[in-house]
Amino acid sequence: MRAYLIDELISADMQRLMACLEAKTVKASVEDMYWLEIPDNLLSAEQREHAAQCGPFVCSLETGPNWLKVELLIRGRGKLRCSCIAYADRDQRDWILNQIDAMLAELDIPV
């Protein structure tokens, strides 16, 4: 799995990050998991075609006691398996990482 990992976060920073994730993302049904919704303008042609049945499209954010893992797989929340599920392309990846970096900067969390 392709992922972006931020680790060795101190407890206070992790608590602030969790609060930010609660406010800015969608809580997944799995504990310690969140969905970051990908904007429609960044979806691939196939993802746009499948939006009604497979969307919304998201990447998963998983948290641990001192880490955040950003999975770089774009999946639809409407279906578990489909040809539209794919690793993030360059624009999607850049947008995802920019969102995470902006959250960390907003919270003044050094990485």
N, C-alpha and C. Protein backbone atom coordinates (compact mmCIF):
# COMPACT_ATOMS: atom_id res chain seq x y z
N MET A 1 0.85 -1.19 0.00
CA MET A 1 0.00 0.00 0.00
C MET A 1 0.89 1.24 0.00
N ARG A 2 0.55 2.18 -0.82
CA ARG A 2 1.25 3.46 -0.84
C ARG A 2 0.62 4.35 0.22
N ALA A 3 1.47 4.93 1.05
CA ALA A 3 0.94 5.76 2.14
C ALA A 3 1.97 6.83 2.51
N TYR A 4 1.48 7.85 3.17
CA TYR A 4 2.28 8.94 3.70
C TYR A 4 2.16 8.83 5.22
N LEU A 5 3.27 8.66 5.91
CA LEU A 5 3.25 8.45 7.36
C LEU A 5 3.93 9.61 8.07
N ILE A 6 3.24 10.12 9.06
CA ILE A 6 3.81 11.13 9.95
C ILE A 6 3.82 10.48 11.32
N ASP A 7 5.01 10.30 11.89
CA ASP A 7 5.08 9.62 13.18
C ASP A 7 5.87 10.44 14.19
N GLU A 8 5.99 9.88 15.37
CA GLU A 8 6.68 10.51 16.50
C GLU A 8 6.04 11.84 16.91
N LEU A 9 4.72 11.91 16.80
CA LEU A 9 4.00 13.09 17.27
C LEU A 9 3.81 12.99 18.78
N ILE A 10 3.93 14.11 19.46
CA ILE A 10 3.72 14.09 20.91
C ILE A 10 2.22 14.04 21.20
N SER A 11 1.89 13.61 22.39
CA SER A 11 0.49 13.38 22.76
C SER A 11 -0.37 14.63 22.60
N ALA A 12 0.11 15.78 23.04
CA ALA A 12 -0.67 17.02 22.93
C ALA A 12 -0.94 17.37 21.47
N ASP A 13 0.05 17.20 20.60
CA ASP A 13 -0.14 17.47 19.18
C ASP A 13 -1.13 16.47 18.57
N MET A 14 -1.04 15.24 19.00
CA MET A 14 -1.94 14.21 18.48
C MET A 14 -3.39 14.51 18.87
N GLN A 15 -3.60 14.99 20.09
CA GLN A 15 -4.95 15.34 20.54
C GLN A 15 -5.51 16.48 19.70
N ARG A 16 -4.69 17.49 19.42
CA ARG A 16 -5.15 18.62 18.59
C ARG A 16 -5.41 18.17 17.16
N LEU A 17 -4.57 17.28 16.65
CA LEU A 17 -4.77 16.75 15.30
C LEU A 17 -6.07 15.95 15.22
N MET A 18 -6.35 15.15 16.21
CA MET A 18 -7.59 14.36 16.24
C MET A 18 -8.81 15.29 16.23
N ALA A 19 -8.76 16.36 17.00
CA ALA A 19 -9.87 17.32 17.01
C ALA A 19 -10.04 17.97 15.64
N CYS A 20 -8.94 18.27 14.98
CA CYS A 20 -8.99 18.86 13.65
C CYS A 20 -9.58 17.86 12.65
N LEU A 21 -9.18 16.61 12.74
CA LEU A 21 -9.72 15.59 11.84
C LEU A 21 -11.22 15.42 12.06
N GLU A 22 -11.65 15.46 13.31
CA GLU A 22 -13.08 15.35 13.63
C GLU A 22 -13.86 16.49 12.97
N ALA A 23 -13.26 17.68 12.91
CA ALA A 23 -13.94 18.85 12.37
C ALA A 23 -13.89 18.93 10.84
N LYS A 24 -12.80 18.45 10.23
CA LYS A 24 -12.58 18.69 8.80
C LYS A 24 -12.71 17.47 7.90
N THR A 25 -12.93 16.31 8.47
CA THR A 25 -13.06 15.10 7.67
C THR A 25 -14.32 14.36 8.08
N VAL A 26 -14.53 13.21 7.48
CA VAL A 26 -15.68 12.37 7.82
C VAL A 26 -15.18 11.19 8.64
N LYS A 27 -15.78 10.99 9.79
CA LYS A 27 -15.40 9.86 10.65
C LYS A 27 -15.84 8.56 9.98
N ALA A 28 -14.93 7.62 9.86
CA ALA A 28 -15.24 6.31 9.29
C ALA A 28 -15.88 5.44 10.37
N SER A 29 -16.50 4.35 9.95
CA SER A 29 -17.12 3.44 10.93
C SER A 29 -16.08 2.64 11.70
N VAL A 30 -14.86 2.58 11.19
CA VAL A 30 -13.76 1.90 11.87
C VAL A 30 -13.10 2.88 12.83
N GLU A 31 -12.84 2.43 14.04
CA GLU A 31 -12.22 3.30 15.05
C GLU A 31 -10.87 3.83 14.56
N ASP A 32 -10.59 5.08 14.84
CA ASP A 32 -9.34 5.75 14.49
C ASP A 32 -9.14 5.95 12.99
N MET A 33 -10.21 5.92 12.23
CA MET A 33 -10.14 6.13 10.78
C MET A 33 -11.04 7.29 10.38
N TYR A 34 -10.57 8.03 9.38
CA TYR A 34 -11.30 9.17 8.85
C TYR A 34 -11.22 9.13 7.34
N TRP A 35 -12.19 9.77 6.68
CA TRP A 35 -12.20 9.90 5.23
C TRP A 35 -11.95 11.35 4.85
N LEU A 36 -11.01 11.56 3.95
CA LEU A 36 -10.77 12.88 3.37
C LEU A 36 -11.38 12.85 1.98
N GLU A 37 -12.43 13.65 1.76
CA GLU A 37 -13.15 13.62 0.49
C GLU A 37 -12.36 14.36 -0.58
N ILE A 38 -12.24 13.72 -1.74
CA ILE A 38 -11.50 14.28 -2.88
C ILE A 38 -12.45 15.16 -3.69
N PRO A 39 -12.05 16.39 -4.02
CA PRO A 39 -12.93 17.27 -4.80
C PRO A 39 -13.22 16.68 -6.19
N ASP A 40 -14.43 16.93 -6.68
CA ASP A 40 -14.85 16.40 -7.97
C ASP A 40 -13.91 16.79 -9.10
N ASN A 41 -13.38 17.99 -9.07
CA ASN A 41 -12.52 18.44 -10.17
C ASN A 41 -11.19 17.68 -10.24
N LEU A 42 -10.86 16.92 -9.19
CA LEU A 42 -9.62 16.14 -9.19
C LEU A 42 -9.85 14.67 -9.54
N LEU A 43 -11.09 14.27 -9.70
CA LEU A 43 -11.38 12.87 -10.00
C LEU A 43 -10.96 12.53 -11.42
N SER A 44 -10.57 11.27 -11.61
CA SER A 44 -10.25 10.80 -12.97
C SER A 44 -11.56 10.72 -13.77
N ALA A 45 -11.44 10.55 -15.07
CA ALA A 45 -12.62 10.44 -15.91
C ALA A 45 -13.49 9.26 -15.47
N GLU A 46 -12.87 8.13 -15.16
CA GLU A 46 -13.64 6.97 -14.73
C GLU A 46 -14.30 7.21 -13.38
N GLN A 47 -13.62 7.86 -12.47
CA GLN A 47 -14.21 8.17 -11.16
C GLN A 47 -15.40 9.10 -11.33
N ARG A 48 -15.30 10.08 -12.22
CA ARG A 48 -16.44 10.98 -12.47
C ARG A 48 -17.62 10.19 -13.04
N GLU A 49 -17.35 9.26 -13.95
CA GLU A 49 -18.40 8.43 -14.53
C GLU A 49 -19.09 7.57 -13.48
N HIS A 50 -18.34 7.14 -12.48
CA HIS A 50 -18.85 6.23 -11.45
C HIS A 50 -19.33 6.97 -10.20
N ALA A 51 -19.31 8.28 -10.21
CA ALA A 51 -19.61 9.06 -9.01
C ALA A 51 -20.96 8.71 -8.39
N ALA A 52 -21.98 8.52 -9.20
CA ALA A 52 -23.31 8.25 -8.67
C ALA A 52 -23.38 6.91 -7.93
N GLN A 53 -22.74 5.88 -8.47
CA GLN A 53 -22.83 4.58 -7.82
C GLN A 53 -21.70 4.31 -6.83
N CYS A 54 -20.53 4.89 -7.04
CA CYS A 54 -19.38 4.57 -6.18
C CYS A 54 -18.99 5.69 -5.21
N GLY A 55 -19.33 6.92 -5.53
CA GLY A 55 -18.88 8.07 -4.75
C GLY A 55 -19.56 8.19 -3.40
N PRO A 56 -19.17 9.14 -2.60
CA PRO A 56 -18.09 10.08 -2.85
C PRO A 56 -16.73 9.38 -2.77
N PHE A 57 -15.75 9.99 -3.43
CA PHE A 57 -14.41 9.42 -3.45
C PHE A 57 -13.57 10.03 -2.33
N VAL A 58 -12.80 9.16 -1.68
CA VAL A 58 -12.05 9.55 -0.48
C VAL A 58 -10.70 8.86 -0.44
N CYS A 59 -9.84 9.38 0.42
CA CYS A 59 -8.66 8.62 0.85
C CYS A 59 -8.81 8.45 2.36
N SER A 60 -8.20 7.40 2.88
CA SER A 60 -8.37 7.14 4.31
C SER A 60 -7.21 7.72 5.10
N LEU A 61 -7.55 8.18 6.28
CA LEU A 61 -6.59 8.69 7.26
C LEU A 61 -6.72 7.81 8.49
N GLU A 62 -5.63 7.20 8.89
CA GLU A 62 -5.65 6.33 10.07
C GLU A 62 -4.76 6.95 11.13
N THR A 63 -5.25 6.95 12.36
CA THR A 63 -4.47 7.52 13.46
C THR A 63 -4.08 6.45 14.45
N GLY A 64 -2.95 6.66 15.08
CA GLY A 64 -2.48 5.81 16.16
C GLY A 64 -2.10 6.68 17.33
N PRO A 65 -1.45 6.13 18.33
CA PRO A 65 -1.13 6.92 19.53
C PRO A 65 -0.20 8.10 19.25
N ASN A 66 0.67 7.97 18.25
CA ASN A 66 1.60 9.07 17.95
C ASN A 66 1.88 9.19 16.45
N TRP A 67 0.91 8.78 15.62
CA TRP A 67 1.14 8.82 14.18
C TRP A 67 -0.16 9.03 13.40
N LEU A 68 0.03 9.50 12.16
CA LEU A 68 -1.04 9.66 11.19
C LEU A 68 -0.57 9.01 9.90
N LYS A 69 -1.38 8.09 9.36
CA LYS A 69 -1.06 7.46 8.09
C LYS A 69 -2.12 7.86 7.07
N VAL A 70 -1.67 8.39 5.95
CA VAL A 70 -2.55 8.81 4.87
C VAL A 70 -2.40 7.80 3.74
N GLU A 71 -3.45 7.06 3.49
CA GLU A 71 -3.41 6.05 2.42
C GLU A 71 -3.64 6.76 1.09
N LEU A 72 -2.78 6.49 0.13
CA LEU A 72 -2.86 7.17 -1.17
C LEU A 72 -3.66 6.37 -2.19
N LEU A 73 -4.67 5.66 -1.72
CA LEU A 73 -5.60 4.95 -2.58
C LEU A 73 -6.91 5.71 -2.58
N ILE A 74 -7.38 6.07 -3.76
CA ILE A 74 -8.65 6.79 -3.88
C ILE A 74 -9.73 5.73 -4.08
N ARG A 75 -10.67 5.71 -3.14
CA ARG A 75 -11.74 4.72 -3.19
C ARG A 75 -13.09 5.41 -3.09
N GLY A 76 -14.09 4.73 -3.60
CA GLY A 76 -15.45 5.23 -3.47
C GLY A 76 -16.06 4.66 -2.21
N ARG A 77 -16.76 5.47 -1.47
CA ARG A 77 -17.40 4.99 -0.24
C ARG A 77 -18.65 4.18 -0.55
N GLY A 78 -19.13 4.24 -1.80
CA GLY A 78 -20.34 3.53 -2.17
C GLY A 78 -20.13 2.07 -2.55
N LYS A 79 -18.90 1.69 -2.90
CA LYS A 79 -18.61 0.31 -3.31
C LYS A 79 -17.24 -0.09 -2.79
N LEU A 80 -17.09 -1.36 -2.44
CA LEU A 80 -15.80 -1.86 -1.98
C LEU A 80 -14.86 -2.21 -3.13
N ARG A 81 -15.42 -2.72 -4.21
CA ARG A 81 -14.59 -3.14 -5.34
C ARG A 81 -15.16 -2.56 -6.63
N CYS A 82 -14.27 -1.90 -7.38
CA CYS A 82 -14.67 -1.34 -8.66
C CYS A 82 -13.40 -0.93 -9.40
N SER A 83 -13.48 -0.86 -10.71
CA SER A 83 -12.32 -0.46 -11.51
C SER A 83 -11.95 1.01 -11.30
N CYS A 84 -12.84 1.80 -10.72
CA CYS A 84 -12.54 3.22 -10.50
C CYS A 84 -11.67 3.47 -9.27
N ILE A 85 -11.48 2.46 -8.45
CA ILE A 85 -10.60 2.57 -7.29
C ILE A 85 -9.17 2.48 -7.78
N ALA A 86 -8.37 3.49 -7.45
CA ALA A 86 -7.00 3.54 -7.97
C ALA A 86 -6.13 4.36 -7.04
N TYR A 87 -4.82 4.15 -7.17
CA TYR A 87 -3.89 5.00 -6.44
C TYR A 87 -4.01 6.43 -6.95
N ALA A 88 -3.77 7.36 -6.07
CA ALA A 88 -3.86 8.78 -6.41
C ALA A 88 -2.91 9.12 -7.55
N ASP A 89 -3.42 9.90 -8.51
CA ASP A 89 -2.52 10.41 -9.55
C ASP A 89 -1.77 11.59 -8.95
N ARG A 90 -0.91 12.19 -9.73
CA ARG A 90 -0.05 13.28 -9.21
C ARG A 90 -0.87 14.43 -8.63
N ASP A 91 -1.92 14.88 -9.33
CA ASP A 91 -2.72 16.01 -8.84
C ASP A 91 -3.47 15.64 -7.56
N GLN A 92 -4.04 14.45 -7.52
CA GLN A 92 -4.74 14.00 -6.32
C GLN A 92 -3.77 13.89 -5.14
N ARG A 93 -2.62 13.27 -5.40
CA ARG A 93 -1.61 13.11 -4.33
C ARG A 93 -1.16 14.47 -3.81
N ASP A 94 -0.86 15.39 -4.72
CA ASP A 94 -0.43 16.72 -4.29
C ASP A 94 -1.50 17.40 -3.45
N TRP A 95 -2.76 17.29 -3.87
CA TRP A 95 -3.86 17.92 -3.12
C TRP A 95 -3.97 17.30 -1.73
N ILE A 96 -3.92 15.97 -1.65
CA ILE A 96 -4.03 15.28 -0.36
C ILE A 96 -2.91 15.72 0.58
N LEU A 97 -1.67 15.68 0.09
CA LEU A 97 -0.54 16.06 0.94
C LEU A 97 -0.60 17.52 1.33
N ASN A 98 -1.06 18.38 0.43
CA ASN A 98 -1.22 19.80 0.77
C ASN A 98 -2.26 19.98 1.86
N GLN A 99 -3.35 19.20 1.83
CA GLN A 99 -4.38 19.28 2.87
C GLN A 99 -3.81 18.88 4.23
N ILE A 100 -3.05 17.80 4.25
CA ILE A 100 -2.46 17.34 5.51
C ILE A 100 -1.43 18.34 6.01
N ASP A 101 -0.56 18.81 5.12
CA ASP A 101 0.43 19.81 5.51
C ASP A 101 -0.23 21.08 6.04
N ALA A 102 -1.34 21.50 5.42
CA ALA A 102 -2.06 22.70 5.88
C ALA A 102 -2.65 22.48 7.27
N MET A 103 -3.20 21.29 7.53
CA MET A 103 -3.73 20.99 8.87
C MET A 103 -2.62 21.08 9.92
N LEU A 104 -1.48 20.48 9.60
CA LEU A 104 -0.37 20.49 10.55
C LEU A 104 0.15 21.90 10.78
N ALA A 105 0.23 22.69 9.72
CA ALA A 105 0.69 24.08 9.85
C ALA A 105 -0.30 24.89 10.66
N GLU A 106 -1.59 24.71 10.39
CA GLU A 106 -2.63 25.43 11.12
C GLU A 106 -2.55 25.13 12.62
N LEU A 107 -2.20 23.90 12.95
CA LEU A 107 -2.09 23.49 14.36
C LEU A 107 -0.71 23.74 14.94
N ASP A 108 0.19 24.27 14.12
CA ASP A 108 1.58 24.54 14.52
C ASP A 108 2.26 23.25 15.04
N ILE A 109 2.04 22.17 14.29
CA ILE A 109 2.67 20.89 14.63
C ILE A 109 3.88 20.72 13.74
N PRO A 110 5.07 20.68 14.33
CA PRO A 110 6.28 20.54 13.52
C PRO A 110 6.42 19.10 12.99
N VAL A 111 6.83 19.02 11.74
CA VAL A 111 7.09 17.69 11.15
C VAL A 111 8.41 17.71 10.40
